[in-house]
C-alpha atoms as a PDB file:
ATOM      1  CA  MET A   1       0.000   0.000   0.000  1.00  0.00           C
ATOM      2  CA  LYS A   2       1.008   3.612  -0.470  1.00  0.00           C
ATOM      3  CA  PRO A   3       2.014   5.420   2.749  1.00  0.00           C
ATOM      4  CA  VAL A   4      -0.219   8.493   3.130  1.00  0.00           C
ATOM      5  CA  THR A   5      -2.737  10.803   1.485  1.00  0.00           C
ATOM      6  CA  PHE A   6      -4.750  13.841   2.500  1.00  0.00           C
ATOM      7  CA  PHE A   7      -8.260  14.627   1.331  1.00  0.00           C
ATOM      8  CA  THR A   8     -10.914  17.301   1.626  1.00  0.00           C
ATOM      9  CA  VAL A   9     -14.510  17.809   0.487  1.00  0.00           C
ATOM     10  CA  ALA A  10     -15.901  21.001  -1.079  1.00  0.00           C
ATOM     11  CA  ASP A  11     -18.747  21.969  -3.382  1.00  0.00           C
ATOM     12  CA  ASP A  12     -18.360  24.935  -5.722  1.00  0.00           C
ATOM     13  CA  ASN A  13     -19.434  27.349  -2.968  1.00  0.00           C
ATOM     14  CA  ASN A  14     -16.489  26.246  -0.839  1.00  0.00           C
ATOM     15  CA  LEU A  15     -13.981  25.471  -3.579  1.00  0.00           C
ATOM     16  CA  LYS A  16     -12.030  28.703  -3.031  1.00  0.00           C
ATOM     17  CA  TYR A  17     -11.494  27.717   0.597  1.00  0.00           C
ATOM     18  CA  ALA A  18     -10.410  24.209  -0.349  1.00  0.00           C
ATOM     19  CA  GLU A  19      -7.917  25.602  -2.835  1.00  0.00           C
ATOM     20  CA  MET A  20      -6.435  27.854  -0.139  1.00  0.00           C
ATOM     21  CA  MET A  21      -6.178  24.918   2.258  1.00  0.00           C
ATOM     22  CA  MET A  22      -4.526  22.672  -0.310  1.00  0.00           C
ATOM     23  CA  ASN A  23      -2.119  25.439  -1.299  1.00  0.00           C
ATOM     24  CA  SER A  24      -1.069  25.885   2.336  1.00  0.00           C
ATOM     25  CA  LEU A  25      -0.728  22.113   2.758  1.00  0.00           C
ATOM     26  CA  LYS A  26       1.459  21.877  -0.323  1.00  0.00           C
ATOM     27  CA  LYS A  27       3.928  24.351   1.195  1.00  0.00           C
ATOM     28  CA  PHE A  28       4.812  21.816   3.895  1.00  0.00           C
ATOM     29  CA  HIS A  29       4.047  18.525   2.129  1.00  0.00           C
ATOM     30  CA  PRO A  30       4.538  19.036  -1.616  1.00  0.00           C
ATOM     31  CA  ASP A  31       5.074  15.331  -2.298  1.00  0.00           C
ATOM     32  CA  ILE A  32       1.958  13.995  -0.542  1.00  0.00           C
ATOM     33  CA  PRO A  33      -1.239  13.885  -2.634  1.00  0.00           C
ATOM     34  CA  CYS A  34      -4.414  15.634  -1.526  1.00  0.00           C
ATOM     35  CA  TYR A  35      -7.615  14.300  -3.046  1.00  0.00           C
ATOM     36  CA  LEU A  36     -10.493  16.749  -3.543  1.00  0.00           C
ATOM     37  CA  GLN A  37     -14.055  15.437  -3.534  1.00  0.00           C
ATOM     38  CA  GLY A  38     -15.529  18.307  -5.521  1.00  0.00           C
ATOM     39  CA  GLN A  39     -18.813  19.374  -7.101  1.00  0.00           C
ATOM     40  CA  LYS A  40     -18.516  16.944 -10.017  1.00  0.00           C
ATOM     41  CA  GLU A  41     -18.281  13.965  -7.680  1.00  0.00           C
ATOM     42  CA  LEU A  42     -20.923  15.320  -5.300  1.00  0.00           C
ATOM     43  CA  ASP A  43     -23.442  15.812  -8.120  1.00  0.00           C
ATOM     44  CA  LYS A  44     -23.382  12.061  -8.782  1.00  0.00           C
ATOM     45  CA  ILE A  45     -24.638  11.287  -5.257  1.00  0.00           C
ATOM     46  CA  GLU A  46     -28.393  11.560  -4.693  1.00  0.00           C
ATOM     47  CA  ASP A  47     -28.441  11.771  -0.919  1.00  0.00           C
ATOM     48  CA  PRO A  48     -29.814  14.778   1.044  1.00  0.00           C
ATOM     49  CA  GLN A  49     -27.399  13.916   3.869  1.00  0.00           C
ATOM     50  CA  LYS A  50     -24.363  13.460   1.635  1.00  0.00           C
ATOM     51  CA  PHE A  51     -22.322  16.307   3.106  1.00  0.00           C
ATOM     52  CA  TYR A  52     -22.603  14.708   6.548  1.00  0.00           C
ATOM     53  CA  ARG A  53     -21.623  11.297   5.222  1.00  0.00           C
ATOM     54  CA  MET A  54     -18.915  12.234   2.775  1.00  0.00           C
ATOM     55  CA  TYR A  55     -15.821  12.125   5.017  1.00  0.00           C
ATOM     56  CA  ALA A  56     -16.347   8.493   5.959  1.00  0.00           C
ATOM     57  CA  GLN A  57     -17.210   7.494   2.392  1.00  0.00           C
ATOM     58  CA  VAL A  58     -14.125   9.104   0.879  1.00  0.00           C
ATOM     59  CA  GLY A  59     -11.930   7.880   3.725  1.00  0.00           C
ATOM     60  CA  GLU A  60     -13.116   4.299   3.311  1.00  0.00           C
ATOM     61  CA  LYS A  61     -12.334   4.406  -0.413  1.00  0.00           C
ATOM     62  CA  LEU A  62      -8.857   5.893   0.033  1.00  0.00           C
ATOM     63  CA  ALA A  63      -7.998   3.520   2.905  1.00  0.00           C
ATOM     64  CA  GLN A  64      -8.036   0.650   0.401  1.00  0.00           C
ATOM     65  CA  GLU A  65      -4.987   2.230  -1.221  1.00  0.00           C
ATOM     66  CA  TYR A  66      -3.229   4.177   1.562  1.00  0.00           C
ATOM     67  CA  GLU A  67      -1.950   3.123   4.986  1.00  0.00           C
ATOM     68  CA  LEU A  68      -2.694   6.553   6.499  1.00  0.00           C
ATOM     69  CA  VAL A  69      -5.629   8.702   5.362  1.00  0.00           C
ATOM     70  CA  ILE A  70      -5.956  12.253   6.693  1.00  0.00           C
ATOM     71  CA  ASN A  71      -8.998  14.487   6.267  1.00  0.00           C
ATOM     72  CA  ILE A  72      -8.624  18.260   6.663  1.00  0.00           C
ATOM     73  CA  ASP A  73     -11.695  20.505   6.448  1.00  0.00           C
ATOM     74  CA  ALA A  74     -11.732  22.798   3.431  1.00  0.00           C
ATOM     75  CA  ASP A  75     -12.019  25.948   5.582  1.00  0.00           C
ATOM     76  CA  SER A  76      -8.645  25.388   7.218  1.00  0.00           C
ATOM     77  CA  ILE A  77      -5.165  26.761   6.694  1.00  0.00           C
ATOM     78  CA  VAL A  78      -2.142  24.574   7.397  1.00  0.00           C
ATOM     79  CA  THR A  79       0.529  26.662   9.116  1.00  0.00           C
ATOM     80  CA  GLY A  80       3.230  24.100   9.806  1.00  0.00           C
ATOM     81  CA  SER A  81       4.571  20.664   9.046  1.00  0.00           C
ATOM     82  CA  LEU A  82       2.314  17.754   9.984  1.00  0.00           C
ATOM     83  CA  ASP A  83       5.167  15.264  10.193  1.00  0.00           C
ATOM     84  CA  HIS A  84       4.329  14.644  13.855  1.00  0.00           C
ATOM     85  CA  ILE A  85       0.992  13.189  12.668  1.00  0.00           C
ATOM     86  CA  ILE A  86       2.330  11.411   9.600  1.00  0.00           C
ATOM     87  CA  ASN A  87       5.293   9.724  11.290  1.00  0.00           C
ATOM     88  CA  ASP A  88       3.553   8.743  14.532  1.00  0.00           C
ATOM     89  CA  LYS A  89       2.681   5.033  14.403  1.00  0.00           C
ATOM     90  CA  SER A  90       1.227   4.886  17.945  1.00  0.00           C
ATOM     91  CA  TYR A  91      -2.404   5.571  16.980  1.00  0.00           C
ATOM     92  CA  GLU A  92      -5.078   4.076  14.759  1.00  0.00           C
ATOM     93  CA  ILE A  93      -7.380   7.113  14.930  1.00  0.00           C
ATOM     94  CA  GLY A  94      -6.217  10.657  15.644  1.00  0.00           C
ATOM     95  CA  SER A  95      -8.174  13.892  15.923  1.00  0.00           C
ATOM     96  CA  VAL A  96      -8.292  17.280  17.643  1.00  0.00           C
ATOM     97  CA  LEU A  97     -10.397  19.149  20.167  1.00  0.00           C
ATOM     98  CA  ASN A  98     -13.640  20.873  19.297  1.00  0.00           C
ATOM     99  CA  ASN A  99     -13.790  22.857  22.538  1.00  0.00           C
ATOM    100  CA  ASN A 100     -12.689  26.516  22.628  1.00  0.00           C
ATOM    101  CA  LEU A 101     -13.633  29.758  24.386  1.00  0.00           C
ATOM    102  CA  VAL A 102     -15.827  31.068  21.531  1.00  0.00           C
ATOM    103  CA  ASP A 103     -18.103  28.330  20.233  1.00  0.00           C
ATOM    104  CA  LYS A 104     -20.855  26.492  22.050  1.00  0.00           C
ATOM    105  CA  PRO A 105     -19.353  23.583  24.013  1.00  0.00           C
ATOM    106  CA  LEU A 106     -20.461  20.230  22.640  1.00  0.00           C
ATOM    107  CA  THR A 107     -21.029  17.029  24.555  1.00  0.00           C
ATOM    108  CA  LEU A 108     -22.288  13.531  23.829  1.00  0.00           C
ATOM    109  CA  TRP A 109     -23.374  10.856  26.277  1.00  0.00           C
ATOM    110  CA  ASN A 110     -20.818  11.344  29.086  1.00  0.00           C
ATOM    111  CA  VAL A 111     -18.093  12.784  26.837  1.00  0.00           C
ATOM    112  CA  ILE A 112     -17.503  16.219  28.362  1.00  0.00           C
ATOM    113  CA  PRO A 113     -16.738  19.216  26.090  1.00  0.00           C
ATOM    114  CA  GLN A 114     -13.043  19.097  26.998  1.00  0.00           C
ATOM    115  CA  PHE A 115     -12.825  15.617  25.428  1.00  0.00           C
ATOM    116  CA  TYR A 116     -15.247  15.983  22.492  1.00  0.00           C
ATOM    117  CA  VAL A 117     -13.300  15.808  19.221  1.00  0.00           C
ATOM    118  CA  ASN A 118     -13.833  17.632  15.938  1.00  0.00           C
ATOM    119  CA  CYS A 119     -13.869  15.792  12.616  1.00  0.00           C
ATOM    120  CA  GLY A 120     -12.294  18.734  10.780  1.00  0.00           C
ATOM    121  CA  LEU A 121      -9.046  16.789  11.202  1.00  0.00           C
ATOM    122  CA  VAL A 122      -9.188  13.013  11.208  1.00  0.00           C
ATOM    123  CA  ALA A 123      -6.145  10.812  10.679  1.00  0.00           C
ATOM    124  CA  ALA A 124      -6.649   7.056  10.556  1.00  0.00           C
ATOM    125  CA  ARG A 125      -4.526   3.996   9.927  1.00  0.00           C
ATOM    126  CA  SER A 126      -7.475   1.617   9.855  1.00  0.00           C
ATOM    127  CA  GLN A 127      -9.739   0.509   7.031  1.00  0.00           C
ATOM    128  CA  ARG A 128     -12.076  -0.913   9.670  1.00  0.00           C
ATOM    129  CA  PHE A 129     -12.525   2.528  11.261  1.00  0.00           C
ATOM    130  CA  TRP A 130     -13.577   4.238   8.017  1.00  0.00           C
ATOM    131  CA  ALA A 131     -15.957   1.372   7.222  1.00  0.00           C
ATOM    132  CA  TRP A 132     -17.509   1.457  10.709  1.00  0.00           C
ATOM    133  CA  TRP A 133     -17.926   5.243  10.602  1.00  0.00           C
ATOM    134  CA  ASN A 134     -19.531   4.991   7.184  1.00  0.00           C
ATOM    135  CA  LYS A 135     -21.880   2.252   8.405  1.00  0.00           C
ATOM    136  CA  LEU A 136     -22.981   4.282  11.453  1.00  0.00           C
ATOM    137  CA  ASN A 137     -23.680   7.261   9.213  1.00  0.00           C
ATOM    138  CA  PHE A 138     -26.286   5.180   7.385  1.00  0.00           C
ATOM    139  CA  SER A 139     -27.813   3.665  10.518  1.00  0.00           C
ATOM    140  CA  HIS A 140     -31.220   4.625  11.933  1.00  0.00           C
ATOM    141  CA  TYR A 141     -29.367   6.327  14.817  1.00  0.00           C
ATOM    142  CA  PHE A 142     -27.758   8.899  12.536  1.00  0.00           C
ATOM    143  CA  GLU A 143     -30.473  11.550  12.230  1.00  0.00           C
ATOM    144  CA  GLN A 144     -31.235  11.390  15.965  1.00  0.00           C
ATOM    145  CA  TYR A 145     -27.938  13.135  16.681  1.00  0.00           C
ATOM    146  CA  GLN A 146     -27.638  16.884  16.198  1.00  0.00           C
ATOM    147  CA  TYR A 147     -24.078  16.827  14.919  1.00  0.00           C
ATOM    148  CA  ARG A 148     -24.588  13.795  12.703  1.00  0.00           C
ATOM    149  CA  GLU A 149     -21.261  12.356  11.524  1.00  0.00           C
ATOM    150  CA  GLN A 150     -19.258  14.190  14.179  1.00  0.00           C
ATOM    151  CA  ASP A 151     -21.300  12.591  16.963  1.00  0.00           C
ATOM    152  CA  MET A 152     -20.885   9.206  15.280  1.00  0.00           C
ATOM    153  CA  PHE A 153     -17.147   9.864  15.112  1.00  0.00           C
ATOM    154  CA  ASN A 154     -17.024  10.702  18.819  1.00  0.00           C
ATOM    155  CA  ILE A 155     -18.828   7.474  19.696  1.00  0.00           C
ATOM    156  CA  ILE A 156     -16.204   5.462  17.817  1.00  0.00           C
ATOM    157  CA  PHE A 157     -13.302   7.575  19.113  1.00  0.00           C
ATOM    158  CA  HIS A 158     -14.288   7.331  22.779  1.00  0.00           C
ATOM    159  CA  TYR A 159     -16.060   3.976  22.954  1.00  0.00           C
ATOM    160  CA  GLY A 160     -14.531   1.931  20.149  1.00  0.00           C
ATOM    161  CA  ASP A 161     -11.655  -0.509  20.466  1.00  0.00           C
ATOM    162  CA  PHE A 162      -9.101   1.587  18.562  1.00  0.00           C
ATOM    163  CA  LYS A 163      -5.853   3.145  19.741  1.00  0.00           C
ATOM    164  CA  THR A 164      -6.772   6.838  19.711  1.00  0.00           C
ATOM    165  CA  LYS A 165      -4.764  10.020  20.041  1.00  0.00           C
ATOM    166  CA  ASN A 166      -5.776  13.645  20.458  1.00  0.00           C
ATOM    167  CA  PHE A 167      -3.122  15.706  18.695  1.00  0.00           C
ATOM    168  CA  ASP A 168      -3.970  18.800  20.749  1.00  0.00           C
ATOM    169  CA  TYR A 169      -2.747  17.139  23.953  1.00  0.00           C
ATOM    170  CA  SER A 170       0.767  18.371  23.223  1.00  0.00           C
ATOM    171  CA  ASP A 171       2.742  21.548  22.550  1.00  0.00           C
ATOM    172  CA  LYS A 172       1.088  21.688  19.113  1.00  0.00           C
ATOM    173  CA  TRP A 173      -2.447  22.946  18.474  1.00  0.00           C
ATOM    174  CA  HIS A 174      -4.649  22.340  15.453  1.00  0.00           C
ATOM    175  CA  GLY A 175      -8.077  23.395  14.285  1.00  0.00           C
ATOM    176  CA  LEU A 176     -10.509  25.020  16.697  1.00  0.00           C
ATOM    177  CA  VAL A 177      -8.919  24.785  20.134  1.00  0.00           C
ATOM    178  CA  HIS A 178      -7.204  28.181  19.787  1.00  0.00           C
ATOM    179  CA  LYS A 179     -10.219  30.006  18.315  1.00  0.00           C
ATOM    180  CA  GLY A 180     -10.633  33.382  20.014  1.00  0.00           C
ATOM    181  CA  GLN A 181      -6.904  33.632  20.691  1.00  0.00           C
ATOM    182  CA  TRP A 182      -5.788  34.535  17.183  1.00  0.00           C
ATOM    183  CA  GLY A 183      -4.879  38.117  18.040  1.00  0.00           C
ATOM    184  CA  LYS A 184      -2.274  36.820  20.497  1.00  0.00           C
ATOM    185  CA  PHE A 185      -0.339  34.773  17.940  1.00  0.00           C
ATOM    186  CA  ILE A 186       3.317  35.672  17.432  1.00  0.00           C
ATOM    187  CA  MET A 187       6.118  34.413  15.215  1.00  0.00           C
ATOM    188  CA  LYS A 188       8.991  32.477  16.731  1.00  0.00           C
ATOM    189  CA  GLY A 189      11.420  31.804  13.920  1.00  0.00           C
ATOM    190  CA  GLU A 190       9.395  30.063  11.215  1.00  0.00           C
ATOM    191  CA  GLU A 191       6.588  28.969  13.548  1.00  0.00           C
ATOM    192  CA  ILE A 192       3.310  30.586  14.554  1.00  0.00           C
ATOM    193  CA  VAL A 193       2.961  30.401  18.332  1.00  0.00           C
ATOM    194  CA  LEU A 194       0.299  31.154  20.914  1.00  0.00           C
ATOM    195  CA  PRO A 195       2.303  32.193  23.984  1.00  0.00           C
ATOM    196  CA  LYS A 196       1.472  30.869  27.419  1.00  0.00           C
ATOM    197  CA  THR A 197      -1.859  32.465  28.363  1.00  0.00           C
ATOM    198  CA  LYS A 198      -3.565  32.212  31.736  1.00  0.00           C
ATOM    199  CA  GLY A 199      -6.798  30.266  31.508  1.00  0.00           C
ATOM    200  CA  VAL A 200      -6.009  29.123  27.970  1.00  0.00           C
ATOM    201  CA  CYS A 201      -2.699  27.258  27.865  1.00  0.00           C
ATOM    202  CA  ASP A 202      -0.008  26.596  30.458  1.00  0.00           C
ATOM    203  CA  GLY A 203       2.805  26.826  27.927  1.00  0.00           C
ATOM    204  CA  ASP A 204       3.583  28.016  24.405  1.00  0.00           C
ATOM    205  CA  LYS A 205       1.564  26.246  21.690  1.00  0.00           C
ATOM    206  CA  ILE A 206       2.839  25.842  18.131  1.00  0.00           C
ATOM    207  CA  ILE A 207      -0.038  26.433  15.718  1.00  0.00           C
ATOM    208  CA  LYS A 208      -0.204  23.779  13.015  1.00  0.00           C
ATOM    209  CA  ILE A 209      -3.702  24.300  11.585  1.00  0.00           C
ATOM    210  CA  ILE A 210      -6.219  27.158  11.775  1.00  0.00           C
ATOM    211  CA  HIS A 211      -9.807  26.004  11.224  1.00  0.00           C
ATOM    212  CA  TRP A 212     -12.472  28.666  10.688  1.00  0.00           C
ATOM    213  CA  ALA A 213     -15.596  26.490  11.104  1.00  0.00           C
ATOM    214  CA  GLY A 214     -19.058  27.828  11.856  1.00  0.00           C
ATOM    215  CA  GLY A 215     -20.771  30.961  10.601  1.00  0.00           C
ATOM    216  CA  ASN A 216     -19.748  33.389  13.320  1.00  0.00           C
ATOM    217  CA  VAL A 217     -16.533  34.583  11.613  1.00  0.00           C
ATOM    218  CA  PRO A 218     -15.747  35.483   7.978  1.00  0.00           C
ATOM    219  CA  LYS A 219     -14.131  32.324   6.629  1.00  0.00           C
ATOM    220  CA  MET A 220     -10.459  32.488   5.721  1.00  0.00           C
ATOM    221  CA  ASN A 221     -10.358  36.282   6.125  1.00  0.00           C
ATOM    222  CA  TYR A 222      -7.080  36.033   7.991  1.00  0.00           C
ATOM    223  CA  ARG A 223      -6.133  39.701   7.517  1.00  0.00           C
ATOM    224  CA  VAL A 224      -8.944  40.668   9.903  1.00  0.00           C
ATOM    225  CA  TYR A 225      -7.820  38.470  12.782  1.00  0.00           C
ATOM    226  CA  PHE A 226      -4.023  38.301  12.712  1.00  0.00           C
ATOM    227  CA  ASN A 227      -1.260  40.851  13.084  1.00  0.00           C
ATOM    228  CA  ASP A 228       0.835  41.850  10.095  1.00  0.00           C
ATOM    229  CA  GLU A 229       3.688  39.489  10.937  1.00  0.00           C
ATOM    230  CA  ILE A 230       1.345  36.493  11.061  1.00  0.00           C
ATOM    231  CA  VAL A 231      -0.421  37.570   7.850  1.00  0.00           C
ATOM    232  CA  LYS A 232       2.909  37.774   6.029  1.00  0.00           C
END
């Protein structure tokens, strides 16, 4: 099997965001492919819930060819190397935190907000995981959950029999966990860093991915939220 691939999903309305994400990803990983499930492929699927089910479907297909399959949401910007995810063989499923100081805290069963994971970044070394996630997304349980595929993902992540890893439990942050702290970012050498901040983080955090997510901020309008050094 081939070692690793990235993928993202975007219709024409979100294609410009996906192109920005893939361009940022290419800066750090020019030799790793990134598959785009775009409007052409989406138009072939007659399913009103297809956008909620697409990650697992694409992941299951790619996992037949690649050992490691990594999904990154289209409305994200990669700001550093993801080698720590790619080269880490200790997990079968990896993800990142959903919880931050801006968005509504999410919970599921007895998974508290501080543990609830976001499927804007999913890395998996298991064909069985993608198949199970895809199966749950077509079960009669699916539409009973408010956050659809993300709730299904959390059930597998927290209650399944996989080796899991939360990439945000480290000195590196990805996705949503730092939302609301963007104005505090600084450059340290070539890295974007959120300095130690009381009530937020007990040490410096290297920012690897910025995920806009939700409708409460203008997507990808980074010039509004970051200082000139970060923008550059």
